[in-house]
C-alpha atoms as a PDB file:
ATOM      1  CA  MET A   1     -13.085   5.852   1.480  1.00  0.00           C
ATOM      2  CA  PRO A   2     -13.958   8.649   3.908  1.00  0.00           C
ATOM      3  CA  TRP A   3     -11.040  10.724   5.206  1.00  0.00           C
ATOM      4  CA  THR A   4      -9.019   8.782   7.759  1.00  0.00           C
ATOM      5  CA  PRO A   5      -5.655   9.603   9.350  1.00  0.00           C
ATOM      6  CA  PRO A   6      -3.081   7.573   7.382  1.00  0.00           C
ATOM      7  CA  LYS A   7      -1.807   5.521  10.346  1.00  0.00           C
ATOM      8  CA  LEU A   8      -5.358   4.572  11.319  1.00  0.00           C
ATOM      9  CA  ALA A   9      -6.205   3.678   7.708  1.00  0.00           C
ATOM     10  CA  ALA A  10      -3.206   1.328   7.581  1.00  0.00           C
ATOM     11  CA  ALA A  11      -4.169  -0.334  10.869  1.00  0.00           C
ATOM     12  CA  LYS A  12      -7.817  -0.748   9.830  1.00  0.00           C
ATOM     13  CA  ALA A  13      -6.798  -2.334   6.523  1.00  0.00           C
ATOM     14  CA  ALA A  14      -4.469  -4.774   8.287  1.00  0.00           C
ATOM     15  CA  LEU A  15      -7.144  -5.752  10.807  1.00  0.00           C
ATOM     16  CA  ALA A  16      -9.654  -6.405   8.025  1.00  0.00           C
ATOM     17  CA  SER A  17      -7.246  -8.813   6.336  1.00  0.00           C
ATOM     18  CA  SER A  18      -8.329 -12.433   6.697  1.00  0.00           C
ATOM     19  CA  GLY A  19      -5.950 -15.271   7.494  1.00  0.00           C
ATOM     20  CA  ALA A  20      -3.141 -13.050   8.736  1.00  0.00           C
ATOM     21  CA  ARG A  21      -0.507 -14.777  10.818  1.00  0.00           C
ATOM     22  CA  ASP A  22       1.545 -11.624  11.358  1.00  0.00           C
ATOM     23  CA  ALA A  23       0.792  -7.927  10.940  1.00  0.00           C
ATOM     24  CA  GLU A  24       2.941  -4.913  11.650  1.00  0.00           C
ATOM     25  CA  LEU A  25       2.768  -1.157  11.319  1.00  0.00           C
ATOM     26  CA  VAL A  26       5.859   0.278   9.648  1.00  0.00           C
ATOM     27  CA  ASP A  27       7.072   3.774   8.869  1.00  0.00           C
ATOM     28  CA  LEU A  28       8.107   4.089   5.239  1.00  0.00           C
ATOM     29  CA  PRO A  29       9.495   7.103   3.391  1.00  0.00           C
ATOM     30  CA  CYS A  30       5.987   7.652   1.942  1.00  0.00           C
ATOM     31  CA  GLY A  31       4.351   7.490   5.390  1.00  0.00           C
ATOM     32  CA  PRO A  32       2.870   4.904   7.743  1.00  0.00           C
ATOM     33  CA  ALA A  33       1.878   1.511   6.367  1.00  0.00           C
ATOM     34  CA  ALA A  34       0.712  -1.910   7.504  1.00  0.00           C
ATOM     35  CA  VAL A  35       2.226  -5.176   6.285  1.00  0.00           C
ATOM     36  CA  VAL A  36       0.331  -8.439   6.712  1.00  0.00           C
ATOM     37  CA  GLU A  37       1.748 -11.937   6.220  1.00  0.00           C
ATOM     38  CA  SER A  38      -0.156 -15.159   5.830  1.00  0.00           C
ATOM     39  CA  LEU A  39       0.627 -18.780   5.021  1.00  0.00           C
ATOM     40  CA  ASN A  40      -2.319 -20.588   3.470  1.00  0.00           C
ATOM     41  CA  GLU A  41      -2.836 -23.930   1.843  1.00  0.00           C
ATOM     42  CA  GLN A  42      -4.325 -23.822  -1.641  1.00  0.00           C
ATOM     43  CA  GLU A  43      -4.782 -26.895  -3.801  1.00  0.00           C
ATOM     44  CA  GLY A  44      -2.338 -28.875  -1.659  1.00  0.00           C
ATOM     45  CA  GLN A  45       0.391 -26.238  -1.766  1.00  0.00           C
ATOM     46  CA  LYS A  46       1.410 -23.809   0.923  1.00  0.00           C
ATOM     47  CA  VAL A  47       1.230 -20.226  -0.313  1.00  0.00           C
ATOM     48  CA  PHE A  48       3.111 -17.430   1.452  1.00  0.00           C
ATOM     49  CA  GLN A  49       1.445 -14.059   0.985  1.00  0.00           C
ATOM     50  CA  MET A  50       2.409 -10.530   1.965  1.00  0.00           C
ATOM     51  CA  THR A  51       0.122  -7.545   1.578  1.00  0.00           C
ATOM     52  CA  GLY A  52       1.094  -3.951   2.225  1.00  0.00           C
ATOM     53  CA  TYR A  53      -1.447  -1.209   2.848  1.00  0.00           C
ATOM     54  CA  LEU A  54       0.068   2.217   2.151  1.00  0.00           C
ATOM     55  CA  PRO A  55      -2.348   5.091   2.815  1.00  0.00           C
ATOM     56  CA  HIS A  56      -2.044   8.111   0.558  1.00  0.00           C
ATOM     57  CA  PRO A  57      -1.187  11.261   2.542  1.00  0.00           C
ATOM     58  CA  ASP A  58      -4.533  12.794   1.495  1.00  0.00           C
ATOM     59  CA  GLY A  59      -6.265  10.262   3.783  1.00  0.00           C
ATOM     60  CA  LEU A  60      -8.740   9.246   1.082  1.00  0.00           C
ATOM     61  CA  ARG A  61      -6.977   6.414  -0.733  1.00  0.00           C
ATOM     62  CA  VAL A  62      -4.864   3.359   0.092  1.00  0.00           C
ATOM     63  CA  ALA A  63      -2.347   1.724  -2.235  1.00  0.00           C
ATOM     64  CA  VAL A  64      -2.216  -2.061  -1.868  1.00  0.00           C
ATOM     65  CA  LEU A  65       0.916  -4.062  -2.675  1.00  0.00           C
ATOM     66  CA  ALA A  66       0.664  -7.851  -2.795  1.00  0.00           C
ATOM     67  CA  LEU A  67       3.146 -10.681  -3.182  1.00  0.00           C
ATOM     68  CA  SER A  68       2.338 -14.400  -3.284  1.00  0.00           C
ATOM     69  CA  THR A  69       4.635 -17.388  -3.716  1.00  0.00           C
ATOM     70  CA  THR A  70       4.496 -21.146  -3.317  1.00  0.00           C
ATOM     71  CA  ALA A  71       8.176 -21.069  -2.265  1.00  0.00           C
ATOM     72  CA  GLY A  72       7.189 -20.774   1.381  1.00  0.00           C
ATOM     73  CA  SER A  73      10.528 -22.081   2.644  1.00  0.00           C
ATOM     74  CA  ASP A  74      12.210 -18.998   1.151  1.00  0.00           C
ATOM     75  CA  HIS A  75       9.775 -16.572   2.731  1.00  0.00           C
ATOM     76  CA  GLU A  76      12.580 -14.594   4.457  1.00  0.00           C
ATOM     77  CA  HIS A  77      14.002 -13.609   1.044  1.00  0.00           C
ATOM     78  CA  TYR A  78      10.558 -12.634  -0.223  1.00  0.00           C
ATOM     79  CA  ARG A  79       9.941 -10.617   2.952  1.00  0.00           C
ATOM     80  CA  ASP A  80      13.146  -8.625   2.351  1.00  0.00           C
ATOM     81  CA  MET A  81      12.234  -8.095  -1.311  1.00  0.00           C
ATOM     82  CA  PHE A  82       8.719  -6.955  -0.404  1.00  0.00           C
ATOM     83  CA  HIS A  83       9.950  -4.463   2.189  1.00  0.00           C
ATOM     84  CA  GLY A  84      12.461  -3.121  -0.358  1.00  0.00           C
ATOM     85  CA  ILE A  85       9.699  -2.556  -2.893  1.00  0.00           C
ATOM     86  CA  ALA A  86       7.439  -0.922  -0.289  1.00  0.00           C
ATOM     87  CA  ARG A  87      10.242   1.492   0.675  1.00  0.00           C
ATOM     88  CA  MET A  88      10.396   2.672  -2.949  1.00  0.00           C
ATOM     89  CA  VAL A  89       6.738   3.757  -3.070  1.00  0.00           C
ATOM     90  CA  SER A  90       6.241   7.488  -3.393  1.00  0.00           C
ATOM     91  CA  PHE A  91       3.121   9.574  -3.724  1.00  0.00           C
ATOM     92  CA  ASP A  92       5.082  12.522  -5.117  1.00  0.00           C
ATOM     93  CA  ASN A  93       4.753  13.386  -8.782  1.00  0.00           C
ATOM     94  CA  PRO A  94       8.226  12.662 -10.254  1.00  0.00           C
ATOM     95  CA  LEU A  95       7.719  14.854 -13.330  1.00  0.00           C
ATOM     96  CA  PRO A  96       9.491  18.202 -13.576  1.00  0.00           C
ATOM     97  CA  PRO A  97       7.146  21.184 -12.955  1.00  0.00           C
ATOM     98  CA  GLN A  98       6.985  22.176 -16.647  1.00  0.00           C
ATOM     99  CA  LEU A  99       5.725  18.673 -17.580  1.00  0.00           C
ATOM    100  CA  ARG A 100       3.247  18.518 -14.684  1.00  0.00           C
ATOM    101  CA  GLU A 101       1.556  21.606 -16.135  1.00  0.00           C
ATOM    102  CA  GLN A 102       1.039  19.774 -19.442  1.00  0.00           C
ATOM    103  CA  MET A 103      -0.648  16.755 -17.805  1.00  0.00           C
ATOM    104  CA  PRO A 104      -4.450  16.882 -17.650  1.00  0.00           C
ATOM    105  CA  GLU A 105      -5.886  17.319 -14.178  1.00  0.00           C
ATOM    106  CA  ALA A 106      -7.681  14.315 -12.669  1.00  0.00           C
ATOM    107  CA  ARG A 107     -11.482  14.563 -12.743  1.00  0.00           C
ATOM    108  CA  GLU A 108     -11.679  14.382  -8.946  1.00  0.00           C
ATOM    109  CA  VAL A 109      -9.119  17.164  -8.506  1.00  0.00           C
ATOM    110  CA  ALA A 110     -10.934  19.373 -11.008  1.00  0.00           C
ATOM    111  CA  ALA A 111     -14.251  18.784  -9.195  1.00  0.00           C
ATOM    112  CA  ALA A 112     -12.689  19.720  -5.835  1.00  0.00           C
ATOM    113  CA  ARG A 113     -11.132  22.834  -7.377  1.00  0.00           C
ATOM    114  CA  ASP A 114     -14.549  23.868  -8.772  1.00  0.00           C
ATOM    115  CA  VAL A 115     -16.137  23.538  -5.326  1.00  0.00           C
ATOM    116  CA  PHE A 116     -13.381  25.074  -3.216  1.00  0.00           C
ATOM    117  CA  GLY A 117     -11.718  27.423  -5.678  1.00  0.00           C
END
């Protein structure tokens, strides 16, 4: 996607979500995010769904987390679980510096380095 400020990217993703009954912007350790909830009926069953849109700090990518369950009556427990998982997301490389140097560079990063030095 074209560069977008992370908070705006989260809001745009949430607004584009269909069937949302509740959407909120949240601040997570990895940055701003949007969480969308919906309750839909599929094949005679109610399905509770949560989707989280977590923009990468580079403003070019968005990580999407999704949870679906037919246990709609327990949606409060699933909501807590989902928020706990979302709070654990990190865009930082967890490898020690000496191991990061051994990992091959992503094609996109190499292309940007060739252009900009």
